[in-house]
Full PDB file with SEQRES, HELIX, SHEET, SSBOND, CRYST1, ORIGX, SCALE, CONECT and MASTER records, all heavy atoms in Angstrom:
SEQRES   1 A   33  VAL ILE PRO ALA CYS ARG ARG ARG PHE ASP LYS HIS LYS          
SEQRES   2 A   33  ARG ILE ALA ARG TRP THR LEU PRO VAL TRP LEU TYR VAL          
SEQRES   3 A   33  SER ILE THR GLY VAL ILE VAL                                  
HELIX    1 AA1 ILE A    2  CYS A    5  1                                   4    
HELIX    2 AA2 PHE A    9  ILE A   32  1                                  24    
CRYST1    1.000    1.000    1.000  90.00  90.00  90.00 P 1           1          
ORIGX1      1.000000  0.000000  0.000000        0.00000                         
ORIGX2      0.000000  1.000000  0.000000        0.00000                         
ORIGX3      0.000000  0.000000  1.000000        0.00000                         
SCALE1      1.000000  0.000000  0.000000        0.00000                         
SCALE2      0.000000  1.000000  0.000000        0.00000                         
SCALE3      0.000000  0.000000  1.000000        0.00000                         
ATOM      1  N   VAL A   1       0.850  -1.296   0.090  1.00  0.00           N  
ATOM      2  CA  VAL A   1      -0.004   0.095   0.006  1.00  0.00           C  
ATOM      3  C   VAL A   1       0.824   1.271  -0.012  1.00  0.00           C  
ATOM      4  O   VAL A   1       0.569   2.260  -0.668  1.00  0.00           O  
ATOM      5  CB  VAL A   1      -0.886  -0.020   1.215  1.00  0.00           C  
ATOM      6  CG1 VAL A   1      -1.668   1.298   1.451  1.00  0.00           C  
ATOM      7  CG2 VAL A   1      -1.956  -1.128   1.034  1.00  0.00           C  
ATOM      8  N   ILE A   2       1.953   1.333   0.670  1.00  0.00           N  
ATOM      9  CA  ILE A   2       2.758   2.508   0.806  1.00  0.00           C  
ATOM     10  C   ILE A   2       3.257   2.907  -0.440  1.00  0.00           C  
ATOM     11  O   ILE A   2       3.020   4.252  -0.825  1.00  0.00           O  
ATOM     12  CB  ILE A   2       3.968   2.273   1.862  1.00  0.00           C  
ATOM     13  CG1 ILE A   2       3.360   2.138   3.301  1.00  0.00           C  
ATOM     14  CG2 ILE A   2       4.954   3.383   1.669  1.00  0.00           C  
ATOM     15  CD1 ILE A   2       4.344   1.727   4.391  1.00  0.00           C  
ATOM     16  N   PRO A   3       3.831   2.115  -1.440  1.00  0.00           N  
ATOM     17  CA  PRO A   3       4.272   2.664  -2.597  1.00  0.00           C  
ATOM     18  C   PRO A   3       3.079   3.225  -3.499  1.00  0.00           C  
ATOM     19  O   PRO A   3       3.275   4.137  -4.260  1.00  0.00           O  
ATOM     20  CB  PRO A   3       4.962   1.482  -3.332  1.00  0.00           C  
ATOM     21  CG  PRO A   3       5.323   0.461  -2.290  1.00  0.00           C  
ATOM     22  CD  PRO A   3       4.286   0.745  -1.131  1.00  0.00           C  
ATOM     23  N   ALA A   4       1.938   2.496  -3.346  1.00  0.00           N  
ATOM     24  CA  ALA A   4       0.723   2.956  -4.187  1.00  0.00           C  
ATOM     25  C   ALA A   4       0.325   4.290  -3.795  1.00  0.00           C  
ATOM     26  O   ALA A   4       0.077   5.209  -4.588  1.00  0.00           O  
ATOM     27  CB  ALA A   4      -0.371   1.978  -4.079  1.00  0.00           C  
ATOM     28  N   CYS A   5       0.320   4.634  -2.285  1.00  0.00           N  
ATOM     29  CA  CYS A   5      -0.049   5.934  -1.887  1.00  0.00           C  
ATOM     30  C   CYS A   5       1.038   7.044  -2.299  1.00  0.00           C  
ATOM     31  O   CYS A   5       0.713   8.123  -2.487  1.00  0.00           O  
ATOM     32  CB  CYS A   5      -0.062   5.886  -0.354  1.00  0.00           C  
ATOM     33  SG  CYS A   5      -1.419   4.904   0.318  1.00  0.00           S  
ATOM     34  N   ARG A   6       2.268   6.514  -2.412  1.00  0.00           N  
ATOM     35  CA  ARG A   6       3.322   7.442  -2.900  1.00  0.00           C  
ATOM     36  C   ARG A   6       3.484   7.542  -4.409  1.00  0.00           C  
ATOM     37  O   ARG A   6       4.354   8.182  -5.058  1.00  0.00           O  
ATOM     38  CB  ARG A   6       4.776   7.084  -2.350  1.00  0.00           C  
ATOM     39  CG  ARG A   6       4.761   7.181  -0.852  1.00  0.00           C  
ATOM     40  CD  ARG A   6       6.091   6.805  -0.254  1.00  0.00           C  
ATOM     41  NE  ARG A   6       6.195   6.989   1.181  1.00  0.00           N  
ATOM     42  CZ  ARG A   6       7.015   6.428   2.023  1.00  0.00           C  
ATOM     43  NH1 ARG A   6       7.956   5.558   1.671  1.00  0.00           N  
ATOM     44  NH2 ARG A   6       6.960   6.734   3.336  1.00  0.00           N  
ATOM     45  N   ARG A   7       2.539   6.937  -5.067  1.00  0.00           N  
ATOM     46  CA  ARG A   7       2.454   6.842  -6.568  1.00  0.00           C  
ATOM     47  C   ARG A   7       3.762   6.246  -7.277  1.00  0.00           C  
ATOM     48  O   ARG A   7       4.124   6.604  -8.244  1.00  0.00           O  
ATOM     49  CB  ARG A   7       2.185   8.275  -7.034  1.00  0.00           C  
ATOM     50  CG  ARG A   7       0.834   8.820  -6.466  1.00  0.00           C  
ATOM     51  CD  ARG A   7       0.444  10.231  -7.035  1.00  0.00           C  
ATOM     52  NE  ARG A   7      -0.167  10.104  -8.316  1.00  0.00           N  
ATOM     53  CZ  ARG A   7      -1.276   9.622  -8.603  1.00  0.00           C  
ATOM     54  NH1 ARG A   7      -2.077   9.150  -7.661  1.00  0.00           N  
ATOM     55  NH2 ARG A   7      -1.786   9.744  -9.932  1.00  0.00           N  
ATOM     56  N   ARG A   8       4.212   5.238  -6.488  1.00  0.00           N  
ATOM     57  CA  ARG A   8       5.370   4.561  -6.920  1.00  0.00           C  
ATOM     58  C   ARG A   8       4.816   3.203  -7.478  1.00  0.00           C  
ATOM     59  O   ARG A   8       5.063   2.217  -6.809  1.00  0.00           O  
ATOM     60  CB  ARG A   8       6.401   4.162  -5.926  1.00  0.00           C  
ATOM     61  CG  ARG A   8       7.138   5.435  -5.346  1.00  0.00           C  
ATOM     62  CD  ARG A   8       8.256   5.928  -6.188  1.00  0.00           C  
ATOM     63  NE  ARG A   8       9.068   4.821  -6.795  1.00  0.00           N  
ATOM     64  CZ  ARG A   8      10.074   4.276  -6.221  1.00  0.00           C  
ATOM     65  NH1 ARG A   8      10.412   4.644  -4.945  1.00  0.00           N  
ATOM     66  NH2 ARG A   8      10.677   3.244  -6.976  1.00  0.00           N  
ATOM     67  N   PHE A   9       4.144   3.312  -8.549  1.00  0.00           N  
ATOM     68  CA  PHE A   9       3.434   2.102  -9.123  1.00  0.00           C  
ATOM     69  C   PHE A   9       4.436   0.889  -9.595  1.00  0.00           C  
ATOM     70  O   PHE A   9       3.855  -0.134  -9.442  1.00  0.00           O  
ATOM     71  CB  PHE A   9       2.437   2.497 -10.126  1.00  0.00           C  
ATOM     72  CG  PHE A   9       1.441   3.532  -9.614  1.00  0.00           C  
ATOM     73  CD1 PHE A   9       1.428   4.833 -10.080  1.00  0.00           C  
ATOM     74  CD2 PHE A   9       0.503   3.149  -8.554  1.00  0.00           C  
ATOM     75  CE1 PHE A   9       0.429   5.654  -9.550  1.00  0.00           C  
ATOM     76  CE2 PHE A   9      -0.255   3.977  -7.996  1.00  0.00           C  
ATOM     77  CZ  PHE A   9      -0.385   5.385  -8.568  1.00  0.00           C  
ATOM     78  N   ASP A  10       5.578   1.349  -9.988  1.00  0.00           N  
ATOM     79  CA  ASP A  10       6.380   0.223 -10.425  1.00  0.00           C  
ATOM     80  C   ASP A  10       6.772  -0.518  -9.120  1.00  0.00           C  
ATOM     81  O   ASP A  10       6.666  -1.891  -9.239  1.00  0.00           O  
ATOM     82  CB  ASP A  10       7.730   0.815 -11.003  1.00  0.00           C  
ATOM     83  CG  ASP A  10       8.402   1.852  -9.992  1.00  0.00           C  
ATOM     84  OD1 ASP A  10       7.752   2.555  -9.318  1.00  0.00           O  
ATOM     85  OD2 ASP A  10       9.699   1.950 -10.025  1.00  0.00           O  
ATOM     86  N   LYS A  11       7.033  -0.080  -8.084  1.00  0.00           N  
ATOM     87  CA  LYS A  11       7.343  -0.704  -6.823  1.00  0.00           C  
ATOM     88  C   LYS A  11       6.144  -1.469  -6.225  1.00  0.00           C  
ATOM     89  O   LYS A  11       6.215  -2.546  -5.886  1.00  0.00           O  
ATOM     90  CB  LYS A  11       7.949   0.173  -5.702  1.00  0.00           C  
ATOM     91  CG  LYS A  11       8.440  -0.482  -4.479  1.00  0.00           C  
ATOM     92  CD  LYS A  11       9.153   0.493  -3.543  1.00  0.00           C  
ATOM     93  CE  LYS A  11       9.665  -0.331  -2.382  1.00  0.00           C  
ATOM     94  NZ  LYS A  11      10.428   0.517  -1.423  1.00  0.00           N  
ATOM     95  N   HIS A  12       5.080  -0.731  -6.323  1.00  0.00           N  
ATOM     96  CA  HIS A  12       3.645  -1.375  -5.918  1.00  0.00           C  
ATOM     97  C   HIS A  12       3.443  -2.605  -6.629  1.00  0.00           C  
ATOM     98  O   HIS A  12       3.078  -3.638  -6.104  1.00  0.00           O  
ATOM     99  CB  HIS A  12       2.565  -0.330  -6.094  1.00  0.00           C  
ATOM    100  CG  HIS A  12       1.199  -0.905  -6.107  1.00  0.00           C  
ATOM    101  ND1 HIS A  12       0.617  -1.181  -4.753  1.00  0.00           N  
ATOM    102  CD2 HIS A  12       0.326  -1.217  -6.910  1.00  0.00           C  
ATOM    103  CE1 HIS A  12      -0.516  -1.609  -4.960  1.00  0.00           C  
ATOM    104  NE2 HIS A  12      -0.794  -1.692  -6.164  1.00  0.00           N  
ATOM    105  N   LYS A  13       3.614  -2.564  -7.915  1.00  0.00           N  
ATOM    106  CA  LYS A  13       3.327  -3.767  -8.818  1.00  0.00           C  
ATOM    107  C   LYS A  13       4.301  -4.924  -8.528  1.00  0.00           C  
ATOM    108  O   LYS A  13       3.823  -6.142  -8.397  1.00  0.00           O  
ATOM    109  CB  LYS A  13       3.445  -3.313 -10.243  1.00  0.00           C  
ATOM    110  CG  LYS A  13       3.012  -4.447 -11.195  1.00  0.00           C  
ATOM    111  CD  LYS A  13       3.169  -3.971 -12.667  1.00  0.00           C  
ATOM    112  CE  LYS A  13       2.893  -5.007 -13.587  1.00  0.00           C  
ATOM    113  NZ  LYS A  13       2.823  -4.632 -14.983  1.00  0.00           N  
ATOM    114  N   ARG A  14       5.459  -4.642  -8.227  1.00  0.00           N  
ATOM    115  CA  ARG A  14       6.511  -5.673  -7.923  1.00  0.00           C  
ATOM    116  C   ARG A  14       6.140  -6.348  -6.673  1.00  0.00           C  
ATOM    117  O   ARG A  14       6.046  -7.555  -6.551  1.00  0.00           O  
ATOM    118  CB  ARG A  14       7.919  -5.146  -7.853  1.00  0.00           C  
ATOM    119  CG  ARG A  14       8.619  -4.913  -9.118  1.00  0.00           C  
ATOM    120  CD  ARG A  14      10.148  -4.723  -8.898  1.00  0.00           C  
ATOM    121  NE  ARG A  14      10.573  -3.703  -7.884  1.00  0.00           N  
ATOM    122  CZ  ARG A  14      10.679  -2.467  -8.096  1.00  0.00           C  
ATOM    123  NH1 ARG A  14      10.515  -1.960  -9.340  1.00  0.00           N  
ATOM    124  NH2 ARG A  14      11.002  -1.668  -7.109  1.00  0.00           N  
ATOM    125  N   ILE A  15       5.687  -5.627  -5.583  1.00  0.00           N  
ATOM    126  CA  ILE A  15       5.348  -6.335  -4.326  1.00  0.00           C  
ATOM    127  C   ILE A  15       3.971  -6.852  -4.379  1.00  0.00           C  
ATOM    128  O   ILE A  15       3.716  -7.913  -3.724  1.00  0.00           O  
ATOM    129  CB  ILE A  15       5.454  -5.231  -3.182  1.00  0.00           C  
ATOM    130  CG1 ILE A  15       6.792  -4.552  -3.142  1.00  0.00           C  
ATOM    131  CG2 ILE A  15       4.989  -5.694  -1.950  1.00  0.00           C  
ATOM    132  CD1 ILE A  15       7.040  -3.385  -2.316  1.00  0.00           C  
ATOM    133  N   ALA A  16       3.114  -6.248  -5.123  1.00  0.00           N  
ATOM    134  CA  ALA A  16       1.652  -6.798  -5.235  1.00  0.00           C  
ATOM    135  C   ALA A  16       1.541  -8.259  -5.841  1.00  0.00           C  
ATOM    136  O   ALA A  16       0.718  -8.950  -5.501  1.00  0.00           O  
ATOM    137  CB  ALA A  16       0.777  -5.766  -6.063  1.00  0.00           C  
ATOM    138  N   ARG A  17       2.512  -8.484  -6.719  1.00  0.00           N  
ATOM    139  CA  ARG A  17       2.592  -9.798  -7.325  1.00  0.00           C  
ATOM    140  C   ARG A  17       2.844 -10.814  -6.281  1.00  0.00           C  
ATOM    141  O   ARG A  17       2.456 -12.018  -6.529  1.00  0.00           O  
ATOM    142  CB  ARG A  17       3.682  -9.854  -8.353  1.00  0.00           C  
ATOM    143  CG  ARG A  17       3.475  -9.116  -9.549  1.00  0.00           C  
ATOM    144  CD  ARG A  17       4.514  -9.231 -10.662  1.00  0.00           C  
ATOM    145  NE  ARG A  17       4.216  -8.381 -11.660  1.00  0.00           N  
ATOM    146  CZ  ARG A  17       4.708  -8.352 -12.968  1.00  0.00           C  
ATOM    147  NH1 ARG A  17       5.625  -9.263 -13.263  1.00  0.00           N  
ATOM    148  NH2 ARG A  17       4.506  -7.581 -13.860  1.00  0.00           N  
ATOM    149  N   TRP A  18       3.499 -10.572  -5.247  1.00  0.00           N  
ATOM    150  CA  TRP A  18       3.625 -11.491  -4.084  1.00  0.00           C  
ATOM    151  C   TRP A  18       2.537 -11.422  -3.166  1.00  0.00           C  
ATOM    152  O   TRP A  18       2.017 -12.394  -2.646  1.00  0.00           O  
ATOM    153  CB  TRP A  18       4.970 -11.321  -3.456  1.00  0.00           C  
ATOM    154  CG  TRP A  18       6.142 -11.532  -4.315  1.00  0.00           C  
ATOM    155  CD1 TRP A  18       6.867 -10.639  -5.088  1.00  0.00           C  
ATOM    156  CD2 TRP A  18       6.704 -12.875  -4.659  1.00  0.00           C  
ATOM    157  NE1 TRP A  18       7.786 -11.351  -5.833  1.00  0.00           N  
ATOM    158  CE2 TRP A  18       7.604 -12.702  -5.579  1.00  0.00           C  
ATOM    159  CE3 TRP A  18       6.365 -14.153  -4.092  1.00  0.00           C  
ATOM    160  CZ2 TRP A  18       8.566 -13.704  -5.967  1.00  0.00           C  
ATOM    161  CZ3 TRP A  18       7.206 -15.163  -4.634  1.00  0.00           C  
ATOM    162  CH2 TRP A  18       8.253 -15.020  -5.564  1.00  0.00           C  
ATOM    163  N   THR A  19       2.103 -10.177  -2.674  1.00  0.00           N  
ATOM    164  CA  THR A  19       1.060  -9.988  -1.789  1.00  0.00           C  
ATOM    165  C   THR A  19      -0.267 -10.565  -2.239  1.00  0.00           C  
ATOM    166  O   THR A  19      -0.968 -11.179  -1.410  1.00  0.00           O  
ATOM    167  CB  THR A  19       0.958  -8.435  -1.566  1.00  0.00           C  
ATOM    168  OG1 THR A  19       2.232  -7.934  -1.159  1.00  0.00           O  
ATOM    169  CG2 THR A  19      -0.109  -8.194  -0.413  1.00  0.00           C  
ATOM    170  N   LEU A  20      -0.734 -10.401  -3.443  1.00  0.00           N  
ATOM    171  CA  LEU A  20      -2.091 -10.799  -3.867  1.00  0.00           C  
ATOM    172  C   LEU A  20      -2.277 -12.301  -3.661  1.00  0.00           C  
ATOM    173  O   LEU A  20      -3.168 -12.696  -2.946  1.00  0.00           O  
ATOM    174  CB  LEU A  20      -2.352 -10.403  -5.245  1.00  0.00           C  
ATOM    175  CG  LEU A  20      -3.711 -10.917  -5.812  1.00  0.00           C  
ATOM    176  CD1 LEU A  20      -4.898 -10.334  -5.047  1.00  0.00           C  
ATOM    177  CD2 LEU A  20      -3.791 -10.755  -7.281  1.00  0.00           C  
ATOM    178  N   PRO A  21      -1.338 -13.185  -4.105  1.00  0.00           N  
ATOM    179  CA  PRO A  21      -1.659 -14.547  -3.897  1.00  0.00           C  
ATOM    180  C   PRO A  21      -1.592 -15.064  -2.345  1.00  0.00           C  
ATOM    181  O   PRO A  21      -2.371 -15.778  -1.949  1.00  0.00           O  
ATOM    182  CB  PRO A  21      -0.472 -15.219  -4.555  1.00  0.00           C  
ATOM    183  CG  PRO A  21       0.318 -14.274  -5.280  1.00  0.00           C  
ATOM    184  CD  PRO A  21      -0.131 -12.937  -4.894  1.00  0.00           C  
ATOM    185  N   VAL A  22      -0.753 -14.402  -1.625  1.00  0.00           N  
ATOM    186  CA  VAL A  22      -0.671 -14.630  -0.176  1.00  0.00           C  
ATOM    187  C   VAL A  22      -2.114 -14.137   0.637  1.00  0.00           C  
ATOM    188  O   VAL A  22      -2.728 -14.929   1.327  1.00  0.00           O  
ATOM    189  CB  VAL A  22       0.509 -13.965   0.558  1.00  0.00           C  
ATOM    190  CG1 VAL A  22       0.400 -14.100   2.101  1.00  0.00           C  
ATOM    191  CG2 VAL A  22       1.783 -14.593  -0.003  1.00  0.00           C  
ATOM    192  N   TRP A  23      -2.432 -12.983   0.076  1.00  0.00           N  
ATOM    193  CA  TRP A  23      -3.644 -12.421   0.766  1.00  0.00           C  
ATOM    194  C   TRP A  23      -4.905 -13.298   0.333  1.00  0.00           C  
ATOM    195  O   TRP A  23      -5.797 -13.536   1.136  1.00  0.00           O  
ATOM    196  CB  TRP A  23      -3.825 -11.017   0.211  1.00  0.00           C  
ATOM    197  CG  TRP A  23      -4.810 -10.113   1.008  1.00  0.00           C  
ATOM    198  CD1 TRP A  23      -5.585 -10.409   2.017  1.00  0.00           C  
ATOM    199  CD2 TRP A  23      -5.002  -8.750   0.832  1.00  0.00           C  
ATOM    200  NE1 TRP A  23      -6.362  -9.433   2.525  1.00  0.00           N  
ATOM    201  CE2 TRP A  23      -5.929  -8.324   1.761  1.00  0.00           C  
ATOM    202  CE3 TRP A  23      -4.429  -7.756   0.015  1.00  0.00           C  
ATOM    203  CZ2 TRP A  23      -6.262  -6.943   1.867  1.00  0.00           C  
ATOM    204  CZ3 TRP A  23      -4.892  -6.451   0.046  1.00  0.00           C  
ATOM    205  CH2 TRP A  23      -5.804  -5.973   0.925  1.00  0.00           C  
ATOM    206  N   LEU A  24      -4.950 -13.617  -0.943  1.00  0.00           N  
ATOM    207  CA  LEU A  24      -5.978 -14.548  -1.458  1.00  0.00           C  
ATOM    208  C   LEU A  24      -5.943 -15.815  -0.667  1.00  0.00           C  
ATOM    209  O   LEU A  24      -7.040 -16.291  -0.151  1.00  0.00           O  
ATOM    210  CB  LEU A  24      -5.807 -14.878  -2.921  1.00  0.00           C  
ATOM    211  CG  LEU A  24      -6.588 -13.846  -3.866  1.00  0.00           C  
ATOM    212  CD1 LEU A  24      -6.160 -14.024  -5.226  1.00  0.00           C  
ATOM    213  CD2 LEU A  24      -7.998 -13.771  -3.570  1.00  0.00           C  
ATOM    214  N   TYR A  25      -4.812 -16.496  -0.480  1.00  0.00           N  
ATOM    215  CA  TYR A  25      -4.738 -17.720   0.289  1.00  0.00           C  
ATOM    216  C   TYR A  25      -5.234 -17.642   1.629  1.00  0.00           C  
ATOM    217  O   TYR A  25      -6.001 -18.419   2.091  1.00  0.00           O  
ATOM    218  CB  TYR A  25      -3.305 -18.232   0.265  1.00  0.00           C  
ATOM    219  CG  TYR A  25      -3.116 -19.570   0.986  1.00  0.00           C  
ATOM    220  CD1 TYR A  25      -3.403 -20.819   0.163  1.00  0.00           C  
ATOM    221  CD2 TYR A  25      -2.818 -19.733   2.285  1.00  0.00           C  
ATOM    222  CE1 TYR A  25      -3.291 -22.024   0.951  1.00  0.00           C  
ATOM    223  CE2 TYR A  25      -2.769 -20.901   2.847  1.00  0.00           C  
ATOM    224  CZ  TYR A  25      -2.936 -21.989   2.192  1.00  0.00           C  
ATOM    225  OH  TYR A  25      -2.838 -23.282   2.818  1.00  0.00           O  
ATOM    226  N   VAL A  26      -4.840 -16.581   2.273  1.00  0.00           N  
ATOM    227  CA  VAL A  26      -5.181 -16.282   3.701  1.00  0.00           C  
ATOM    228  C   VAL A  26      -6.798 -16.174   3.782  1.00  0.00           C  
ATOM    229  O   VAL A  26      -7.491 -16.716   4.710  1.00  0.00           O  
ATOM    230  CB  VAL A  26      -4.494 -15.104   4.262  1.00  0.00           C  
ATOM    231  CG1 VAL A  26      -5.097 -14.778   5.657  1.00  0.00           C  
ATOM    232  CG2 VAL A  26      -2.942 -15.572   4.542  1.00  0.00           C  
ATOM    233  N   SER A  27      -7.297 -15.365   2.952  1.00  0.00           N  
ATOM    234  CA  SER A  27      -8.724 -15.101   2.933  1.00  0.00           C  
ATOM    235  C   SER A  27      -9.503 -16.334   2.631  1.00  0.00           C  
ATOM    236  O   SER A  27     -10.578 -16.668   3.178  1.00  0.00           O  
ATOM    237  CB  SER A  27      -9.115 -13.937   2.114  1.00  0.00           C  
ATOM    238  OG  SER A  27      -8.871 -14.153   0.779  1.00  0.00           O  
ATOM    239  N   ILE A  28      -9.110 -17.098   1.654  1.00  0.00           N  
ATOM    240  CA  ILE A  28      -9.844 -18.306   1.251  1.00  0.00           C  
ATOM    241  C   ILE A  28      -9.608 -19.303   2.284  1.00  0.00           C  
ATOM    242  O   ILE A  28     -10.695 -20.051   2.628  1.00  0.00           O  
ATOM    243  CB  ILE A  28      -9.252 -18.837  -0.129  1.00  0.00           C  
ATOM    244  CG1 ILE A  28      -9.705 -18.002  -1.256  1.00  0.00           C  
ATOM    245  CG2 ILE A  28      -9.803 -20.230  -0.391  1.00  0.00           C  
ATOM    246  CD1 ILE A  28      -9.030 -18.155  -2.615  1.00  0.00           C  
ATOM    247  N   THR A  29      -8.592 -19.604   2.856  1.00  0.00           N  
ATOM    248  CA  THR A  29      -8.314 -20.630   3.853  1.00  0.00           C  
ATOM    249  C   THR A  29      -9.021 -20.217   5.100  1.00  0.00           C  
ATOM    250  O   THR A  29      -9.398 -21.121   5.921  1.00  0.00           O  
ATOM    251  CB  THR A  29      -6.902 -20.917   4.160  1.00  0.00           C  
ATOM    252  OG1 THR A  29      -6.062 -19.756   4.454  1.00  0.00           O  
ATOM    253  CG2 THR A  29      -6.286 -21.662   2.871  1.00  0.00           C  
ATOM    254  N   GLY A  30      -9.162 -18.895   5.351  1.00  0.00           N  
ATOM    255  CA  GLY A  30      -9.953 -18.580   6.554  1.00  0.00           C  
ATOM    256  C   GLY A  30     -11.305 -19.009   6.521  1.00  0.00           C  
ATOM    257  O   GLY A  30     -11.882 -19.453   7.558  1.00  0.00           O  
ATOM    258  N   VAL A  31     -11.995 -18.986   5.360  1.00  0.00           N  
ATOM    259  CA  VAL A  31     -13.270 -19.527   5.234  1.00  0.00           C  
ATOM    260  C   VAL A  31     -13.330 -20.934   5.348  1.00  0.00           C  
ATOM    261  O   VAL A  31     -14.169 -21.587   6.089  1.00  0.00           O  
ATOM    262  CB  VAL A  31     -13.778 -19.121   3.739  1.00  0.00           C  
ATOM    263  CG1 VAL A  31     -15.301 -19.703   3.555  1.00  0.00           C  
ATOM    264  CG2 VAL A  31     -13.977 -17.583   3.572  1.00  0.00           C  
ATOM    265  N   ILE A  32     -12.270 -21.685   4.818  1.00  0.00           N  
ATOM    266  CA  ILE A  32     -12.242 -23.063   4.919  1.00  0.00           C  
ATOM    267  C   ILE A  32     -11.943 -23.559   6.322  1.00  0.00           C  
ATOM    268  O   ILE A  32     -12.715 -24.566   6.814  1.00  0.00           O  
ATOM    269  CB  ILE A  32     -11.084 -23.757   3.952  1.00  0.00           C  
ATOM    270  CG1 ILE A  32     -11.501 -23.402   2.391  1.00  0.00           C  
ATOM    271  CG2 ILE A  32     -10.895 -25.122   4.261  1.00  0.00           C  
ATOM    272  CD1 ILE A  32     -10.443 -23.732   1.470  1.00  0.00           C  
ATOM    273  N   VAL A  33     -11.168 -22.865   7.075  1.00  0.00           N  
ATOM    274  CA  VAL A  33     -10.946 -23.258   8.474  1.00  0.00           C  
ATOM    275  C   VAL A  33     -12.305 -23.042   9.160  1.00  0.00           C  
ATOM    276  O   VAL A  33     -12.733 -23.946  10.021  1.00  0.00           O  
ATOM    277  CB  VAL A  33      -9.826 -22.373   9.120  1.00  0.00           C  
ATOM    278  CG1 VAL A  33      -9.892 -22.445  10.573  1.00  0.00           C  
ATOM    279  CG2 VAL A  33      -8.424 -22.842   8.494  1.00  0.00           C  
TER     280      VAL A  33                                                      
MASTER        0    0    0    2    0    0    0    6  279    1    0    3          
END                                                                             
């Protein structure tokens, strides 16, 4: 979120590629648990 707020979209995109799958896994497995 920090780079997105700072309009550093190149950095935001690099980190988001890792964050999105982890965040999705956590939210989906939360429902499964």
